[in-house]
Amino acid sequence: MADALPPAARRIADLLAAEGMKDRVVEMPDSTRSAADAARACGCAVAQIAKSIVLRATRSDRPVVVVASGANRVDEARIAAVLGEPVGKADADFVRARTGFAIGGVAPLGFSESVPLFIDADLLQHAEIWAAAGTPRCVFRLTPDELIRLTGGTVTPIV
């Protein structure tokens, strides 16, 4: 089944399988690019979508990933305070070059380089969440505890 997936999604499926989470990646018939689209496709609340937002650290020029609840907007000042460095928006070229994913399909793992990753504390209130799996049409289901274990991310309030 994973062989039929696009290459970026297959990479995520392989990473998940290596962690004992086989057959989690699903390719949807329609786009899951936005949190609202993903929630409709997955049959869940927008708050259960774990959207990966890529920011750009302004001094070090490194990518910073925030895995946020689909219902929340990221407070960049709060992330900057936790990171210890100002952050700003990352454009599409930066996101693709530095994470290996296109905007709308950024998974919370499998980056092309090591990145600081912050997990929205609001995601922990859900038994099940859904995250992008490398493309704007592929997603996977997991628990907040699995997200923390897989990413090694720091849980923090982001709003």
N, C-alpha and C. Protein backbone atom coordinates (compact mmCIF):
# COMPACT_ATOMS: atom_id res chain seq x y z
N MET A 1 0.83 -1.20 0.00
CA MET A 1 0.00 0.00 0.00
C MET A 1 0.87 1.25 0.00
N ALA A 2 1.90 1.29 0.85
CA ALA A 2 2.76 2.47 0.91
C ALA A 2 3.51 2.69 -0.40
N ASP A 3 3.71 1.61 -1.19
CA ASP A 3 4.40 1.75 -2.47
C ASP A 3 3.64 2.64 -3.44
N ALA A 4 2.32 2.73 -3.29
CA ALA A 4 1.50 3.54 -4.19
C ALA A 4 1.51 5.01 -3.81
N LEU A 5 2.10 5.34 -2.69
CA LEU A 5 2.13 6.72 -2.22
C LEU A 5 3.17 7.54 -2.99
N PRO A 6 2.95 8.88 -3.06
CA PRO A 6 3.99 9.75 -3.62
C PRO A 6 5.27 9.62 -2.79
N PRO A 7 6.44 9.92 -3.39
CA PRO A 7 7.72 9.71 -2.68
C PRO A 7 7.81 10.34 -1.29
N ALA A 8 7.38 11.59 -1.13
CA ALA A 8 7.47 12.24 0.20
C ALA A 8 6.59 11.52 1.22
N ALA A 9 5.41 11.10 0.81
CA ALA A 9 4.51 10.38 1.72
C ALA A 9 5.05 8.99 2.02
N ARG A 10 5.66 8.35 1.02
CA ARG A 10 6.26 7.03 1.24
C ARG A 10 7.39 7.14 2.27
N ARG A 11 8.16 8.24 2.21
CA ARG A 11 9.24 8.46 3.19
C ARG A 11 8.66 8.52 4.60
N ILE A 12 7.54 9.24 4.76
CA ILE A 12 6.90 9.32 6.08
C ILE A 12 6.34 7.97 6.49
N ALA A 13 5.70 7.26 5.56
CA ALA A 13 5.17 5.93 5.87
C ALA A 13 6.27 4.99 6.34
N ASP A 14 7.43 5.06 5.69
CA ASP A 14 8.56 4.21 6.09
C ASP A 14 9.08 4.59 7.48
N LEU A 15 9.17 5.89 7.76
CA LEU A 15 9.61 6.33 9.09
C LEU A 15 8.63 5.86 10.17
N LEU A 16 7.35 5.97 9.89
CA LEU A 16 6.33 5.51 10.85
C LEU A 16 6.40 4.01 11.04
N ALA A 17 6.54 3.27 9.94
CA ALA A 17 6.62 1.81 10.03
C ALA A 17 7.81 1.37 10.88
N ALA A 18 8.92 2.08 10.75
CA ALA A 18 10.12 1.77 11.54
C ALA A 18 9.87 1.98 13.04
N GLU A 19 8.85 2.79 13.35
CA GLU A 19 8.49 3.05 14.75
C GLU A 19 7.29 2.21 15.19
N GLY A 20 6.95 1.20 14.40
CA GLY A 20 5.84 0.31 14.75
C GLY A 20 4.47 0.88 14.40
N MET A 21 4.44 1.87 13.54
CA MET A 21 3.17 2.53 13.17
C MET A 21 2.91 2.30 11.68
N LYS A 22 2.76 1.04 11.32
CA LYS A 22 2.60 0.65 9.92
C LYS A 22 1.21 1.01 9.39
N ASP A 23 1.15 1.34 8.10
CA ASP A 23 -0.11 1.60 7.39
C ASP A 23 -0.91 2.76 7.97
N ARG A 24 -0.25 3.80 8.43
CA ARG A 24 -0.95 4.96 8.97
C ARG A 24 -1.19 6.05 7.92
N VAL A 25 -0.33 6.13 6.90
CA VAL A 25 -0.44 7.21 5.91
C VAL A 25 -1.58 6.89 4.93
N VAL A 26 -2.43 7.91 4.74
CA VAL A 26 -3.58 7.79 3.85
C VAL A 26 -3.51 8.92 2.84
N GLU A 27 -3.72 8.59 1.56
CA GLU A 27 -3.82 9.62 0.53
C GLU A 27 -5.29 9.90 0.30
N MET A 28 -5.68 11.15 0.51
CA MET A 28 -7.07 11.56 0.37
C MET A 28 -7.38 11.94 -1.09
N PRO A 29 -8.64 11.82 -1.50
CA PRO A 29 -8.99 12.18 -2.87
C PRO A 29 -8.92 13.68 -3.13
N ASP A 30 -9.09 14.47 -2.08
CA ASP A 30 -9.05 15.93 -2.21
C ASP A 30 -7.93 16.49 -1.35
N SER A 31 -7.63 17.76 -1.55
CA SER A 31 -6.55 18.43 -0.83
C SER A 31 -6.79 18.45 0.68
N THR A 32 -5.71 18.30 1.42
CA THR A 32 -5.73 18.48 2.88
C THR A 32 -4.78 19.62 3.24
N ARG A 33 -4.57 20.53 2.29
CA ARG A 33 -3.60 21.63 2.43
C ARG A 33 -3.92 22.53 3.63
N SER A 34 -5.17 22.87 3.83
CA SER A 34 -5.53 23.73 4.97
C SER A 34 -6.06 22.85 6.10
N ALA A 35 -6.07 23.40 7.31
CA ALA A 35 -6.59 22.66 8.46
C ALA A 35 -8.07 22.32 8.26
N ALA A 36 -8.83 23.24 7.70
CA ALA A 36 -10.25 22.99 7.45
C ALA A 36 -10.43 21.87 6.43
N ASP A 37 -9.65 21.90 5.36
CA ASP A 37 -9.71 20.83 4.35
C ASP A 37 -9.35 19.49 4.97
N ALA A 38 -8.29 19.47 5.76
CA ALA A 38 -7.84 18.23 6.39
C ALA A 38 -8.89 17.69 7.36
N ALA A 39 -9.50 18.56 8.13
CA ALA A 39 -10.53 18.12 9.08
C ALA A 39 -11.72 17.50 8.35
N ARG A 40 -12.14 18.13 7.24
CA ARG A 40 -13.24 17.55 6.45
C ARG A 40 -12.85 16.18 5.91
N ALA A 41 -11.65 16.06 5.37
CA ALA A 41 -11.20 14.80 4.79
C ALA A 41 -11.06 13.70 5.84
N CYS A 42 -10.60 14.07 7.02
CA CYS A 42 -10.34 13.09 8.08
C CYS A 42 -11.57 12.81 8.94
N GLY A 43 -12.59 13.65 8.82
CA GLY A 43 -13.79 13.47 9.64
C GLY A 43 -13.56 13.80 11.10
N CYS A 44 -12.78 14.85 11.34
CA CYS A 44 -12.49 15.24 12.72
C CYS A 44 -12.66 16.74 12.87
N ALA A 45 -12.48 17.23 14.09
CA ALA A 45 -12.55 18.66 14.36
C ALA A 45 -11.27 19.34 13.87
N VAL A 46 -11.38 20.59 13.48
CA VAL A 46 -10.20 21.36 13.04
C VAL A 46 -9.13 21.36 14.13
N ALA A 47 -9.53 21.40 15.39
CA ALA A 47 -8.58 21.42 16.50
C ALA A 47 -7.74 20.14 16.57
N GLN A 48 -8.18 19.04 15.93
CA GLN A 48 -7.45 17.77 15.92
C GLN A 48 -6.43 17.69 14.79
N ILE A 49 -6.36 18.71 13.96
CA ILE A 49 -5.37 18.73 12.90
C ILE A 49 -4.07 19.30 13.46
N ALA A 50 -3.00 18.55 13.32
CA ALA A 50 -1.67 18.98 13.79
C ALA A 50 -0.95 19.58 12.58
N LYS A 51 -1.11 20.89 12.42
CA LYS A 51 -0.50 21.55 11.25
C LYS A 51 0.93 21.96 11.58
N SER A 52 1.82 21.68 10.63
CA SER A 52 3.23 22.02 10.81
C SER A 52 3.51 23.36 10.14
N ILE A 53 3.83 24.35 10.96
CA ILE A 53 4.13 25.70 10.50
C ILE A 53 5.65 25.88 10.56
N VAL A 54 6.24 26.27 9.45
CA VAL A 54 7.68 26.48 9.41
C VAL A 54 7.96 27.97 9.50
N LEU A 55 8.76 28.33 10.50
CA LEU A 55 9.20 29.71 10.68
C LEU A 55 10.69 29.77 10.36
N ARG A 56 11.19 30.99 10.23
CA ARG A 56 12.61 31.19 9.92
C ARG A 56 13.24 31.99 11.06
N ALA A 57 14.20 31.38 11.74
CA ALA A 57 14.93 32.08 12.80
C ALA A 57 15.77 33.17 12.14
N THR A 58 15.62 34.41 12.59
CA THR A 58 16.21 35.53 11.86
C THR A 58 17.72 35.67 12.04
N ARG A 59 18.25 35.30 13.18
CA ARG A 59 19.70 35.42 13.37
C ARG A 59 20.46 34.24 12.79
N SER A 60 19.99 33.03 13.05
CA SER A 60 20.71 31.83 12.60
C SER A 60 20.26 31.34 11.23
N ASP A 61 19.16 31.87 10.72
CA ASP A 61 18.60 31.49 9.43
C ASP A 61 18.27 29.99 9.37
N ARG A 62 17.88 29.43 10.49
CA ARG A 62 17.51 28.02 10.51
C ARG A 62 15.98 27.89 10.54
N PRO A 63 15.46 26.77 10.03
CA PRO A 63 14.02 26.55 10.11
C PRO A 63 13.62 26.17 11.54
N VAL A 64 12.44 26.59 11.92
CA VAL A 64 11.84 26.25 13.21
C VAL A 64 10.44 25.74 12.89
N VAL A 65 10.09 24.57 13.40
CA VAL A 65 8.78 24.00 13.11
C VAL A 65 7.91 24.06 14.36
N VAL A 66 6.69 24.54 14.16
CA VAL A 66 5.69 24.55 15.22
C VAL A 66 4.56 23.65 14.76
N VAL A 67 4.27 22.61 15.52
CA VAL A 67 3.15 21.72 15.22
C VAL A 67 1.98 22.24 16.06
N ALA A 68 1.07 22.93 15.37
CA ALA A 68 -0.02 23.63 16.05
C ALA A 68 -1.36 22.97 15.82
N SER A 69 -2.24 23.13 16.76
CA SER A 69 -3.63 22.72 16.56
C SER A 69 -4.18 23.54 15.40
N GLY A 70 -4.95 22.89 14.53
CA GLY A 70 -5.54 23.56 13.39
C GLY A 70 -6.44 24.72 13.77
N ALA A 71 -6.88 24.76 15.02
CA ALA A 71 -7.75 25.84 15.48
C ALA A 71 -6.97 27.06 15.96
N ASN A 72 -5.64 26.93 16.08
CA ASN A 72 -4.83 28.01 16.65
C ASN A 72 -3.95 28.70 15.63
N ARG A 73 -3.66 29.97 15.93
CA ARG A 73 -2.65 30.72 15.17
C ARG A 73 -1.40 30.79 16.04
N VAL A 74 -0.26 30.69 15.42
CA VAL A 74 1.01 30.70 16.14
C VAL A 74 1.38 32.13 16.52
N ASP A 75 1.66 32.33 17.79
CA ASP A 75 2.16 33.62 18.27
C ASP A 75 3.69 33.59 18.12
N GLU A 76 4.17 34.28 17.08
CA GLU A 76 5.61 34.25 16.78
C GLU A 76 6.45 34.79 17.93
N ALA A 77 5.94 35.78 18.65
CA ALA A 77 6.68 36.34 19.79
C ALA A 77 6.87 35.29 20.89
N ARG A 78 5.84 34.48 21.10
CA ARG A 78 5.93 33.42 22.12
C ARG A 78 6.97 32.37 21.71
N ILE A 79 6.96 32.00 20.43
CA ILE A 79 7.94 31.02 19.94
C ILE A 79 9.35 31.61 20.02
N ALA A 80 9.50 32.87 19.66
CA ALA A 80 10.81 33.53 19.74
C ALA A 80 11.33 33.52 21.17
N ALA A 81 10.44 33.75 22.14
CA ALA A 81 10.85 33.77 23.54
C ALA A 81 11.33 32.38 23.99
N VAL A 82 10.63 31.34 23.57
CA VAL A 82 11.03 29.98 23.94
C VAL A 82 12.32 29.58 23.22
N LEU A 83 12.44 29.97 21.96
CA LEU A 83 13.61 29.64 21.15
C LEU A 83 14.84 30.44 21.56
N GLY A 84 14.61 31.68 22.04
CA GLY A 84 15.71 32.56 22.38
C GLY A 84 16.27 33.31 21.19
N GLU A 85 15.45 33.43 20.14
CA GLU A 85 15.87 34.09 18.91
C GLU A 85 14.61 34.55 18.16
N PRO A 86 14.64 35.74 17.57
CA PRO A 86 13.48 36.19 16.80
C PRO A 86 13.18 35.25 15.63
N VAL A 87 11.91 35.12 15.30
CA VAL A 87 11.48 34.31 14.16
C VAL A 87 10.58 35.13 13.26
N GLY A 88 10.50 34.72 12.01
CA GLY A 88 9.61 35.36 11.05
C GLY A 88 9.04 34.33 10.11
N LYS A 89 8.24 34.78 9.19
CA LYS A 89 7.63 33.90 8.20
C LYS A 89 8.70 33.27 7.32
N ALA A 90 8.44 32.07 6.88
CA ALA A 90 9.31 31.39 5.92
C ALA A 90 8.57 31.29 4.59
N ASP A 91 9.24 31.63 3.50
CA ASP A 91 8.57 31.54 2.21
C ASP A 91 8.62 30.10 1.70
N ALA A 92 7.88 29.84 0.62
CA ALA A 92 7.73 28.48 0.08
C ALA A 92 9.08 27.88 -0.32
N ASP A 93 9.95 28.67 -0.91
CA ASP A 93 11.25 28.15 -1.33
C ASP A 93 12.09 27.72 -0.12
N PHE A 94 12.09 28.54 0.94
CA PHE A 94 12.82 28.22 2.16
C PHE A 94 12.27 26.93 2.77
N VAL A 95 10.94 26.83 2.85
CA VAL A 95 10.31 25.65 3.45
C VAL A 95 10.73 24.39 2.71
N ARG A 96 10.60 24.40 1.39
CA ARG A 96 10.95 23.21 0.61
C ARG A 96 12.44 22.87 0.73
N ALA A 97 13.30 23.89 0.60
CA ALA A 97 14.74 23.66 0.64
C ALA A 97 15.21 23.15 1.99
N ARG A 98 14.62 23.65 3.06
CA ARG A 98 15.15 23.36 4.39
C ARG A 98 14.43 22.21 5.12
N THR A 99 13.20 21.87 4.68
CA THR A 99 12.50 20.75 5.33
C THR A 99 12.35 19.55 4.41
N GLY A 100 12.39 19.78 3.10
CA GLY A 100 12.16 18.70 2.15
C GLY A 100 10.70 18.54 1.78
N PHE A 101 9.84 19.44 2.27
CA PHE A 101 8.41 19.36 2.00
C PHE A 101 7.89 20.68 1.43
N ALA A 102 6.80 20.60 0.68
CA ALA A 102 6.12 21.79 0.19
C ALA A 102 5.11 22.27 1.23
N ILE A 103 4.87 23.57 1.27
CA ILE A 103 3.85 24.12 2.15
C ILE A 103 2.53 23.41 1.86
N GLY A 104 1.81 23.07 2.90
CA GLY A 104 0.55 22.34 2.76
C GLY A 104 0.72 20.84 2.94
N GLY A 105 1.97 20.38 2.95
CA GLY A 105 2.23 18.96 3.14
C GLY A 105 3.36 18.69 4.11
N VAL A 106 3.77 19.71 4.88
CA VAL A 106 4.90 19.56 5.80
C VAL A 106 4.51 18.61 6.94
N ALA A 107 5.20 17.49 7.00
CA ALA A 107 4.99 16.52 8.07
C ALA A 107 5.73 16.99 9.32
N PRO A 108 5.37 16.47 10.49
CA PRO A 108 6.07 16.86 11.71
C PRO A 108 7.37 16.08 11.94
N LEU A 109 7.78 15.27 10.98
CA LEU A 109 9.01 14.49 11.08
C LEU A 109 9.55 14.24 9.68
N GLY A 110 10.78 13.74 9.61
CA GLY A 110 11.35 13.41 8.31
C GLY A 110 11.96 14.59 7.57
N PHE A 111 12.41 15.58 8.31
CA PHE A 111 12.98 16.78 7.70
C PHE A 111 14.34 16.49 7.08
N SER A 112 14.73 17.31 6.12
CA SER A 112 16.01 17.14 5.46
C SER A 112 17.18 17.63 6.33
N GLU A 113 16.89 18.30 7.42
CA GLU A 113 17.91 18.71 8.39
C GLU A 113 17.30 18.75 9.78
N SER A 114 18.12 18.79 10.79
CA SER A 114 17.64 18.86 12.17
C SER A 114 17.02 20.24 12.42
N VAL A 115 15.85 20.25 13.03
CA VAL A 115 15.17 21.52 13.30
C VAL A 115 14.63 21.54 14.72
N PRO A 116 14.62 22.73 15.36
CA PRO A 116 13.91 22.84 16.62
C PRO A 116 12.42 22.67 16.34
N LEU A 117 11.72 21.90 17.15
CA LEU A 117 10.30 21.64 16.93
C LEU A 117 9.53 21.86 18.21
N PHE A 118 8.46 22.63 18.11
CA PHE A 118 7.61 22.94 19.25
C PHE A 118 6.21 22.40 18.97
N ILE A 119 5.61 21.78 19.99
CA ILE A 119 4.28 21.18 19.87
C ILE A 119 3.30 22.00 20.69
N ASP A 120 2.23 22.40 20.05
CA ASP A 120 1.16 23.16 20.68
C ASP A 120 0.56 22.34 21.83
N ALA A 121 0.61 22.88 23.03
CA ALA A 121 0.06 22.20 24.21
C ALA A 121 -1.42 21.86 24.03
N ASP A 122 -2.15 22.62 23.22
CA ASP A 122 -3.57 22.35 23.01
C ASP A 122 -3.82 21.01 22.32
N LEU A 123 -2.85 20.49 21.59
CA LEU A 123 -3.03 19.19 20.93
C LEU A 123 -3.14 18.05 21.93
N LEU A 124 -2.61 18.24 23.13
CA LEU A 124 -2.61 17.17 24.12
C LEU A 124 -3.99 16.84 24.68
N GLN A 125 -4.96 17.69 24.42
CA GLN A 125 -6.31 17.44 24.94
C GLN A 125 -7.11 16.46 24.07
N HIS A 126 -6.55 16.03 22.95
CA HIS A 126 -7.27 15.14 22.02
C HIS A 126 -6.72 13.72 22.11
N ALA A 127 -7.61 12.74 22.02
CA ALA A 127 -7.19 11.34 22.02
C ALA A 127 -6.51 10.98 20.71
N GLU A 128 -6.94 11.63 19.62
CA GLU A 128 -6.41 11.33 18.30
C GLU A 128 -6.22 12.63 17.53
N ILE A 129 -5.11 12.73 16.81
CA ILE A 129 -4.86 13.90 15.97
C ILE A 129 -4.43 13.41 14.59
N TRP A 130 -4.43 14.32 13.62
CA TRP A 130 -4.04 14.00 12.24
C TRP A 130 -2.99 15.01 11.79
N ALA A 131 -1.97 14.52 11.10
CA ALA A 131 -0.89 15.39 10.63
C ALA A 131 -0.64 15.14 9.14
N ALA A 132 -0.06 16.13 8.49
CA ALA A 132 0.33 15.99 7.08
C ALA A 132 1.42 14.93 6.98
N ALA A 133 1.40 14.24 5.83
CA ALA A 133 2.36 13.15 5.61
C ALA A 133 3.21 13.39 4.37
N GLY A 134 3.62 14.65 4.17
CA GLY A 134 4.58 14.92 3.12
C GLY A 134 4.04 15.52 1.84
N THR A 135 2.73 15.46 1.63
CA THR A 135 2.12 16.07 0.45
C THR A 135 0.81 16.74 0.86
N PRO A 136 0.27 17.63 0.03
CA PRO A 136 -1.00 18.29 0.36
C PRO A 136 -2.23 17.38 0.29
N ARG A 137 -2.05 16.09 0.04
CA ARG A 137 -3.19 15.17 0.04
C ARG A 137 -2.99 13.96 0.94
N CYS A 138 -1.84 13.86 1.60
CA CYS A 138 -1.55 12.71 2.44
C CYS A 138 -1.50 13.12 3.92
N VAL A 139 -2.11 12.28 4.76
CA VAL A 139 -2.18 12.54 6.20
C VAL A 139 -1.94 11.23 6.95
N PHE A 140 -1.70 11.36 8.25
CA PHE A 140 -1.64 10.17 9.10
C PHE A 140 -2.22 10.48 10.47
N ARG A 141 -2.76 9.43 11.08
CA ARG A 141 -3.41 9.52 12.39
C ARG A 141 -2.40 9.09 13.46
N LEU A 142 -2.42 9.81 14.59
CA LEU A 142 -1.57 9.45 15.71
C LEU A 142 -2.13 10.05 16.99
N THR A 143 -1.53 9.71 18.11
CA THR A 143 -1.92 10.30 19.38
C THR A 143 -0.93 11.42 19.71
N PRO A 144 -1.30 12.33 20.59
CA PRO A 144 -0.35 13.35 21.02
C PRO A 144 0.93 12.74 21.62
N ASP A 145 0.79 11.66 22.39
CA ASP A 145 1.98 11.02 22.97
C ASP A 145 2.89 10.48 21.87
N GLU A 146 2.30 9.92 20.81
CA GLU A 146 3.11 9.43 19.70
C GLU A 146 3.82 10.59 19.00
N LEU A 147 3.13 11.72 18.86
CA LEU A 147 3.75 12.90 18.24
C LEU A 147 4.97 13.35 19.04
N ILE A 148 4.84 13.40 20.33
CA ILE A 148 5.95 13.81 21.19
C ILE A 148 7.10 12.82 21.08
N ARG A 149 6.79 11.54 21.12
CA ARG A 149 7.83 10.49 21.04
C ARG A 149 8.54 10.52 19.69
N LEU A 150 7.79 10.64 18.62
CA LEU A 150 8.36 10.60 17.26
C LEU A 150 9.24 11.82 16.96
N THR A 151 8.82 12.98 17.45
CA THR A 151 9.51 14.22 17.08
C THR A 151 10.53 14.69 18.10
N GLY A 152 10.36 14.30 19.36
CA GLY A 152 11.21 14.84 20.42
C GLY A 152 10.95 16.32 20.63
N GLY A 153 9.80 16.79 20.15
CA GLY A 153 9.45 18.19 20.24
C GLY A 153 9.18 18.67 21.66
N THR A 154 9.29 19.96 21.84
CA THR A 154 9.02 20.61 23.13
C THR A 154 7.57 21.06 23.15
N VAL A 155 6.81 20.60 24.14
CA VAL A 155 5.42 21.01 24.28
C VAL A 155 5.38 22.38 24.94
N THR A 156 4.65 23.31 24.31
CA THR A 156 4.56 24.67 24.82
C THR A 156 3.27 25.31 24.34
N PRO A 157 2.72 26.25 25.12
CA PRO A 157 1.59 27.02 24.60
C PRO A 157 2.07 27.88 23.43
N ILE A 158 1.31 27.93 22.36
CA ILE A 158 1.76 28.69 21.18
C ILE A 158 0.89 29.90 20.87
N VAL A 159 -0.20 30.06 21.64
CA VAL A 159 -1.08 31.22 21.41
C VAL A 159 -1.08 32.13 22.61
